[in-house]
Amino acid sequence: MESDITIQANSLLYILQNQLNILLAVLSRPVVLRQIFAFLAILLIAWLVPEGFHRWRQRRSAGEPTEADGSSRLQRWMVAAYHLVTPILALLLLHLSLWLFAQQGYPNGLLADMTSLIWLWLIYRALLTFLSARFGEAARPYEHRILSPIFLFLVILQITAIMPGSIAFGSATIKIASLTATLGNLISALIILEIG
């Protein structure tokens, strides 16, 4: 029985090592590095612009008097909608980058694949915005226990779908005595346990 566990652990280690080698080989290509750099720049700009505007607005309104209750319905929706600006801006910048890459004749397949990650982020933030604006602080437990783990699981699935050679990683089998499971199934079970 120990030999079965050792063999499976060695094959899992082999799959992880093989995945790392493939990833390093892909990352050493200038075409891929250009797209990764563009994606990181998009995320940075999409975060900095709304954050800078938000801080400027806070400084500007610091001296103004506030409402007595401070929690009008419109104000709650405005604060909640602020969280949608970053993914929407990232999506617009990503489409602009795809167009610029195509105009320059650069390959942009990786950037096109990353579009689905930004859409996932936008949907996640839209759900959080709705729950926060509708239910206020009462929505926090649902965010941490349900939405965030589902979002993380979907992001991991999407990233492994984008990465070359990752199909073998998700289908790696782990066998302990008579119990056999794939690594993908184990990760799914952990997410479901976290939600439950």
C-alpha atoms as a PDB file:
ATOM      1  CA  MET A   1       0.000   0.000   0.000  1.00  0.00           C
ATOM      2  CA  GLU A   2       2.838   2.425   0.797  1.00  0.00           C
ATOM      3  CA  SER A   3       4.406   1.676  -2.579  1.00  0.00           C
ATOM      4  CA  ASP A   4       1.150   2.710  -4.333  1.00  0.00           C
ATOM      5  CA  ILE A   5       1.134   6.026  -2.470  1.00  0.00           C
ATOM      6  CA  THR A   6       4.826   6.543  -3.287  1.00  0.00           C
ATOM      7  CA  ILE A   7       4.298   5.791  -6.981  1.00  0.00           C
ATOM      8  CA  GLN A   8       1.343   8.173  -7.164  1.00  0.00           C
ATOM      9  CA  ALA A   9       3.243  10.879  -5.273  1.00  0.00           C
ATOM     10  CA  ASN A  10       6.189  10.466  -7.650  1.00  0.00           C
ATOM     11  CA  SER A  11       3.911  10.751 -10.691  1.00  0.00           C
ATOM     12  CA  LEU A  12       2.245  13.821  -9.194  1.00  0.00           C
ATOM     13  CA  LEU A  13       5.668  15.313  -8.532  1.00  0.00           C
ATOM     14  CA  TYR A  14       6.628  14.492 -12.124  1.00  0.00           C
ATOM     15  CA  ILE A  15       3.491  16.224 -13.432  1.00  0.00           C
ATOM     16  CA  LEU A  16       4.179  19.314 -11.296  1.00  0.00           C
ATOM     17  CA  GLN A  17       7.807  19.413 -12.436  1.00  0.00           C
ATOM     18  CA  ASN A  18       6.759  18.948 -16.066  1.00  0.00           C
ATOM     19  CA  GLN A  19       4.167  21.736 -15.711  1.00  0.00           C
ATOM     20  CA  LEU A  20       6.804  24.056 -14.247  1.00  0.00           C
ATOM     21  CA  ASN A  21       9.231  23.274 -17.083  1.00  0.00           C
ATOM     22  CA  ILE A  22       6.555  23.978 -19.699  1.00  0.00           C
ATOM     23  CA  LEU A  23       5.605  27.215 -17.957  1.00  0.00           C
ATOM     24  CA  LEU A  24       9.233  28.392 -17.791  1.00  0.00           C
ATOM     25  CA  ALA A  25       9.750  27.528 -21.466  1.00  0.00           C
ATOM     26  CA  VAL A  26       6.656  29.505 -22.447  1.00  0.00           C
ATOM     27  CA  LEU A  27       7.613  32.457 -20.233  1.00  0.00           C
ATOM     28  CA  SER A  28      11.048  32.656 -21.849  1.00  0.00           C
ATOM     29  CA  ARG A  29       9.471  33.628 -25.184  1.00  0.00           C
ATOM     30  CA  PRO A  30       9.497  37.400 -25.892  1.00  0.00           C
ATOM     31  CA  VAL A  31       6.044  37.205 -27.497  1.00  0.00           C
ATOM     32  CA  VAL A  32       4.557  35.847 -24.277  1.00  0.00           C
ATOM     33  CA  LEU A  33       6.474  38.281 -22.065  1.00  0.00           C
ATOM     34  CA  ARG A  34       5.198  41.220 -24.132  1.00  0.00           C
ATOM     35  CA  GLN A  35       1.598  40.102 -23.593  1.00  0.00           C
ATOM     36  CA  ILE A  36       2.094  39.448 -19.870  1.00  0.00           C
ATOM     37  CA  PHE A  37       3.702  42.868 -19.446  1.00  0.00           C
ATOM     38  CA  ALA A  38       0.775  44.482 -21.311  1.00  0.00           C
ATOM     39  CA  PHE A  39      -1.723  42.640 -19.092  1.00  0.00           C
ATOM     40  CA  LEU A  40       0.055  43.697 -15.892  1.00  0.00           C
ATOM     41  CA  ALA A  41       0.219  47.303 -17.151  1.00  0.00           C
ATOM     42  CA  ILE A  42      -3.526  47.172 -17.890  1.00  0.00           C
ATOM     43  CA  LEU A  43      -4.267  45.967 -14.354  1.00  0.00           C
ATOM     44  CA  LEU A  44      -2.024  48.635 -12.825  1.00  0.00           C
ATOM     45  CA  ILE A  45      -3.561  51.478 -14.850  1.00  0.00           C
ATOM     46  CA  ALA A  46      -7.092  50.181 -14.248  1.00  0.00           C
ATOM     47  CA  TRP A  47      -6.406  50.208 -10.507  1.00  0.00           C
ATOM     48  CA  LEU A  48      -4.493  53.518 -10.328  1.00  0.00           C
ATOM     49  CA  VAL A  49      -6.957  55.709 -12.255  1.00  0.00           C
ATOM     50  CA  PRO A  50     -10.055  55.099 -10.086  1.00  0.00           C
ATOM     51  CA  GLU A  51      -7.968  54.983  -6.906  1.00  0.00           C
ATOM     52  CA  GLY A  52      -6.334  58.326  -7.731  1.00  0.00           C
ATOM     53  CA  PHE A  53      -9.705  59.877  -8.561  1.00  0.00           C
ATOM     54  CA  HIS A  54     -11.182  58.490  -5.326  1.00  0.00           C
ATOM     55  CA  ARG A  55      -8.366  59.939  -3.205  1.00  0.00           C
ATOM     56  CA  TRP A  56      -8.588  63.299  -4.982  1.00  0.00           C
ATOM     57  CA  ARG A  57     -12.341  63.372  -4.333  1.00  0.00           C
ATOM     58  CA  GLN A  58     -11.839  62.487  -0.652  1.00  0.00           C
ATOM     59  CA  ARG A  59      -9.390  65.349  -0.197  1.00  0.00           C
ATOM     60  CA  ARG A  60     -11.694  67.739  -2.012  1.00  0.00           C
ATOM     61  CA  SER A  61     -14.768  66.797   0.030  1.00  0.00           C
ATOM     62  CA  ALA A  62     -12.934  66.682   3.371  1.00  0.00           C
ATOM     63  CA  GLY A  63     -13.984  70.231   4.238  1.00  0.00           C
ATOM     64  CA  GLU A  64     -17.581  69.933   3.028  1.00  0.00           C
ATOM     65  CA  PRO A  65     -20.372  69.178   5.503  1.00  0.00           C
ATOM     66  CA  THR A  66     -21.880  65.699   5.331  1.00  0.00           C
ATOM     67  CA  GLU A  67     -25.505  64.622   5.593  1.00  0.00           C
ATOM     68  CA  ALA A  68     -26.894  63.903   9.030  1.00  0.00           C
ATOM     69  CA  ASP A  69     -27.493  60.203   8.415  1.00  0.00           C
ATOM     70  CA  GLY A  70     -24.604  59.777   5.945  1.00  0.00           C
ATOM     71  CA  SER A  71     -26.116  56.635   4.458  1.00  0.00           C
ATOM     72  CA  SER A  72     -28.631  57.717   1.867  1.00  0.00           C
ATOM     73  CA  ARG A  73     -29.646  55.047  -0.604  1.00  0.00           C
ATOM     74  CA  LEU A  74     -28.104  56.889  -3.576  1.00  0.00           C
ATOM     75  CA  GLN A  75     -24.837  57.361  -1.733  1.00  0.00           C
ATOM     76  CA  ARG A  76     -24.668  53.624  -0.929  1.00  0.00           C
ATOM     77  CA  TRP A  77     -25.236  52.752  -4.597  1.00  0.00           C
ATOM     78  CA  MET A  78     -22.563  55.262  -5.686  1.00  0.00           C
ATOM     79  CA  VAL A  79     -19.981  53.833  -3.289  1.00  0.00           C
ATOM     80  CA  ALA A  80     -20.867  50.301  -4.357  1.00  0.00           C
ATOM     81  CA  ALA A  81     -20.717  51.180  -8.079  1.00  0.00           C
ATOM     82  CA  TYR A  82     -17.214  52.599  -7.566  1.00  0.00           C
ATOM     83  CA  HIS A  83     -15.956  49.010  -7.343  1.00  0.00           C
ATOM     84  CA  LEU A  84     -17.120  48.337 -10.915  1.00  0.00           C
ATOM     85  CA  VAL A  85     -14.920  51.044 -12.413  1.00  0.00           C
ATOM     86  CA  THR A  86     -11.659  49.087 -12.156  1.00  0.00           C
ATOM     87  CA  PRO A  87     -12.764  45.919 -14.018  1.00  0.00           C
ATOM     88  CA  ILE A  88     -14.669  47.957 -16.631  1.00  0.00           C
ATOM     89  CA  LEU A  89     -11.599  50.113 -17.250  1.00  0.00           C
ATOM     90  CA  ALA A  90      -9.425  46.977 -17.396  1.00  0.00           C
ATOM     91  CA  LEU A  91     -11.775  45.460 -19.964  1.00  0.00           C
ATOM     92  CA  LEU A  92     -11.674  48.603 -22.116  1.00  0.00           C
ATOM     93  CA  LEU A  93      -7.878  48.809 -21.890  1.00  0.00           C
ATOM     94  CA  LEU A  94      -7.575  45.121 -22.728  1.00  0.00           C
ATOM     95  CA  HIS A  95      -9.656  45.535 -25.874  1.00  0.00           C
ATOM     96  CA  LEU A  96      -7.591  48.588 -26.818  1.00  0.00           C
ATOM     97  CA  SER A  97      -4.407  46.536 -26.301  1.00  0.00           C
ATOM     98  CA  LEU A  98      -5.770  43.706 -28.445  1.00  0.00           C
ATOM     99  CA  TRP A  99      -6.466  46.206 -31.211  1.00  0.00           C
ATOM    100  CA  LEU A 100      -2.990  47.789 -30.881  1.00  0.00           C
ATOM    101  CA  PHE A 101      -1.298  44.378 -30.914  1.00  0.00           C
ATOM    102  CA  ALA A 102      -3.246  43.443 -34.057  1.00  0.00           C
ATOM    103  CA  GLN A 103      -2.326  46.752 -35.727  1.00  0.00           C
ATOM    104  CA  GLN A 104       1.363  46.151 -34.995  1.00  0.00           C
ATOM    105  CA  GLY A 105       1.173  42.535 -36.167  1.00  0.00           C
ATOM    106  CA  TYR A 106       2.077  41.158 -32.744  1.00  0.00           C
ATOM    107  CA  PRO A 107       0.522  37.875 -31.586  1.00  0.00           C
ATOM    108  CA  ASN A 108      -2.186  38.543 -28.998  1.00  0.00           C
ATOM    109  CA  GLY A 109      -3.650  35.117 -28.219  1.00  0.00           C
ATOM    110  CA  LEU A 110      -2.693  35.202 -24.554  1.00  0.00           C
ATOM    111  CA  LEU A 111      -4.246  38.653 -24.133  1.00  0.00           C
ATOM    112  CA  ALA A 112      -7.417  37.422 -25.832  1.00  0.00           C
ATOM    113  CA  ASP A 113      -7.532  34.473 -23.421  1.00  0.00           C
ATOM    114  CA  MET A 114      -7.168  36.842 -20.467  1.00  0.00           C
ATOM    115  CA  THR A 115     -10.367  38.637 -21.501  1.00  0.00           C
ATOM    116  CA  SER A 116     -12.398  35.910 -19.815  1.00  0.00           C
ATOM    117  CA  LEU A 117     -10.548  36.584 -16.535  1.00  0.00           C
ATOM    118  CA  ILE A 118     -11.534  40.244 -16.654  1.00  0.00           C
ATOM    119  CA  TRP A 119     -15.151  39.305 -17.422  1.00  0.00           C
ATOM    120  CA  LEU A 120     -15.148  36.972 -14.406  1.00  0.00           C
ATOM    121  CA  TRP A 121     -13.778  39.793 -12.279  1.00  0.00           C
ATOM    122  CA  LEU A 122     -16.447  42.187 -13.564  1.00  0.00           C
ATOM    123  CA  ILE A 123     -19.263  39.724 -12.848  1.00  0.00           C
ATOM    124  CA  TYR A 124     -17.862  39.052  -9.371  1.00  0.00           C
ATOM    125  CA  ARG A 125     -17.590  42.770  -8.588  1.00  0.00           C
ATOM    126  CA  ALA A 126     -21.094  43.398 -10.008  1.00  0.00           C
ATOM    127  CA  LEU A 127     -22.541  40.758  -7.687  1.00  0.00           C
ATOM    128  CA  LEU A 128     -20.662  42.234  -4.740  1.00  0.00           C
ATOM    129  CA  THR A 129     -21.834  45.719  -5.696  1.00  0.00           C
ATOM    130  CA  PHE A 130     -25.453  44.612  -5.848  1.00  0.00           C
ATOM    131  CA  LEU A 131     -25.285  42.740  -2.538  1.00  0.00           C
ATOM    132  CA  SER A 132     -23.459  45.584  -0.792  1.00  0.00           C
ATOM    133  CA  ALA A 133     -25.829  48.258  -2.064  1.00  0.00           C
ATOM    134  CA  ARG A 134     -28.924  46.203  -1.367  1.00  0.00           C
ATOM    135  CA  PHE A 135     -28.061  44.624   1.982  1.00  0.00           C
ATOM    136  CA  GLY A 136     -25.108  46.658   3.307  1.00  0.00           C
ATOM    137  CA  GLU A 137     -22.913  44.920   5.879  1.00  0.00           C
ATOM    138  CA  ALA A 138     -25.299  41.959   6.096  1.00  0.00           C
ATOM    139  CA  ALA A 139     -23.888  40.768   2.749  1.00  0.00           C
ATOM    140  CA  ARG A 140     -20.324  40.344   4.080  1.00  0.00           C
ATOM    141  CA  PRO A 141     -20.698  36.705   5.206  1.00  0.00           C
ATOM    142  CA  TYR A 142     -22.048  35.744   1.769  1.00  0.00           C
ATOM    143  CA  GLU A 143     -19.107  37.454   0.126  1.00  0.00           C
ATOM    144  CA  HIS A 144     -16.496  35.607   2.185  1.00  0.00           C
ATOM    145  CA  ARG A 145     -18.183  32.208   2.419  1.00  0.00           C
ATOM    146  CA  ILE A 146     -19.789  31.851  -1.016  1.00  0.00           C
ATOM    147  CA  LEU A 147     -18.864  34.410  -3.684  1.00  0.00           C
ATOM    148  CA  SER A 148     -15.119  34.707  -3.052  1.00  0.00           C
ATOM    149  CA  PRO A 149     -14.424  30.926  -3.046  1.00  0.00           C
ATOM    150  CA  ILE A 150     -16.515  30.426  -6.201  1.00  0.00           C
ATOM    151  CA  PHE A 151     -14.716  33.325  -7.882  1.00  0.00           C
ATOM    152  CA  LEU A 152     -11.319  31.959  -6.849  1.00  0.00           C
ATOM    153  CA  PHE A 153     -12.239  28.501  -8.120  1.00  0.00           C
ATOM    154  CA  LEU A 154     -13.377  29.896 -11.493  1.00  0.00           C
ATOM    155  CA  VAL A 155     -10.211  31.995 -11.812  1.00  0.00           C
ATOM    156  CA  ILE A 156      -8.034  28.950 -11.091  1.00  0.00           C
ATOM    157  CA  LEU A 157      -9.972  26.935 -13.675  1.00  0.00           C
ATOM    158  CA  GLN A 158      -9.558  29.689 -16.252  1.00  0.00           C
ATOM    159  CA  ILE A 159      -5.842  30.121 -15.571  1.00  0.00           C
ATOM    160  CA  THR A 160      -5.212  26.388 -15.859  1.00  0.00           C
ATOM    161  CA  ALA A 161      -7.173  26.369 -19.117  1.00  0.00           C
ATOM    162  CA  ILE A 162      -4.952  29.172 -20.462  1.00  0.00           C
ATOM    163  CA  MET A 163      -1.663  27.605 -19.353  1.00  0.00           C
ATOM    164  CA  PRO A 164      -0.097  25.145 -21.793  1.00  0.00           C
ATOM    165  CA  GLY A 165       0.221  21.584 -20.513  1.00  0.00           C
ATOM    166  CA  SER A 166      -2.161  22.144 -17.619  1.00  0.00           C
ATOM    167  CA  ILE A 167      -4.634  19.488 -18.723  1.00  0.00           C
ATOM    168  CA  ALA A 168      -2.376  16.796 -17.283  1.00  0.00           C
ATOM    169  CA  PHE A 169      -2.143  18.690 -13.996  1.00  0.00           C
ATOM    170  CA  GLY A 170      -5.905  18.722 -13.433  1.00  0.00           C
ATOM    171  CA  SER A 171      -6.302  15.084 -14.376  1.00  0.00           C
ATOM    172  CA  ALA A 172      -3.437  13.805 -12.203  1.00  0.00           C
ATOM    173  CA  THR A 173      -4.726  10.920 -10.125  1.00  0.00           C
ATOM    174  CA  ILE A 174      -4.035  10.375  -6.473  1.00  0.00           C
ATOM    175  CA  LYS A 175      -4.571   6.860  -5.182  1.00  0.00           C
ATOM    176  CA  ILE A 176      -4.630   5.949  -1.508  1.00  0.00           C
ATOM    177  CA  ALA A 177      -5.495   2.291  -0.956  1.00  0.00           C
ATOM    178  CA  SER A 178      -8.727   1.757  -2.897  1.00  0.00           C
ATOM    179  CA  LEU A 179      -9.638   5.473  -3.121  1.00  0.00           C
ATOM    180  CA  THR A 180      -8.760   7.172  -6.399  1.00  0.00           C
ATOM    181  CA  ALA A 181      -9.389  10.846  -7.176  1.00  0.00           C
ATOM    182  CA  THR A 182      -8.092  13.422  -9.622  1.00  0.00           C
ATOM    183  CA  LEU A 183      -6.380  16.558  -8.396  1.00  0.00           C
ATOM    184  CA  GLY A 184      -9.076  18.640 -10.090  1.00  0.00           C
ATOM    185  CA  ASN A 185     -11.788  16.780  -8.175  1.00  0.00           C
ATOM    186  CA  LEU A 186      -9.955  17.295  -4.882  1.00  0.00           C
ATOM    187  CA  ILE A 187      -9.662  21.038  -5.481  1.00  0.00           C
ATOM    188  CA  SER A 188     -13.379  21.184  -6.365  1.00  0.00           C
ATOM    189  CA  ALA A 189     -14.240  19.293  -3.182  1.00  0.00           C
ATOM    190  CA  LEU A 190     -12.171  21.704  -1.077  1.00  0.00           C
ATOM    191  CA  ILE A 191     -14.005  24.674  -2.584  1.00  0.00           C
ATOM    192  CA  ILE A 192     -17.380  23.028  -1.916  1.00  0.00           C
ATOM    193  CA  LEU A 193     -16.366  22.286   1.672  1.00  0.00           C
ATOM    194  CA  GLU A 194     -15.346  25.917   2.157  1.00  0.00           C
ATOM    195  CA  ILE A 195     -18.710  27.105   0.853  1.00  0.00           C
ATOM    196  CA  GLY A 196     -20.693  24.630   2.959  1.00  0.00           C
END
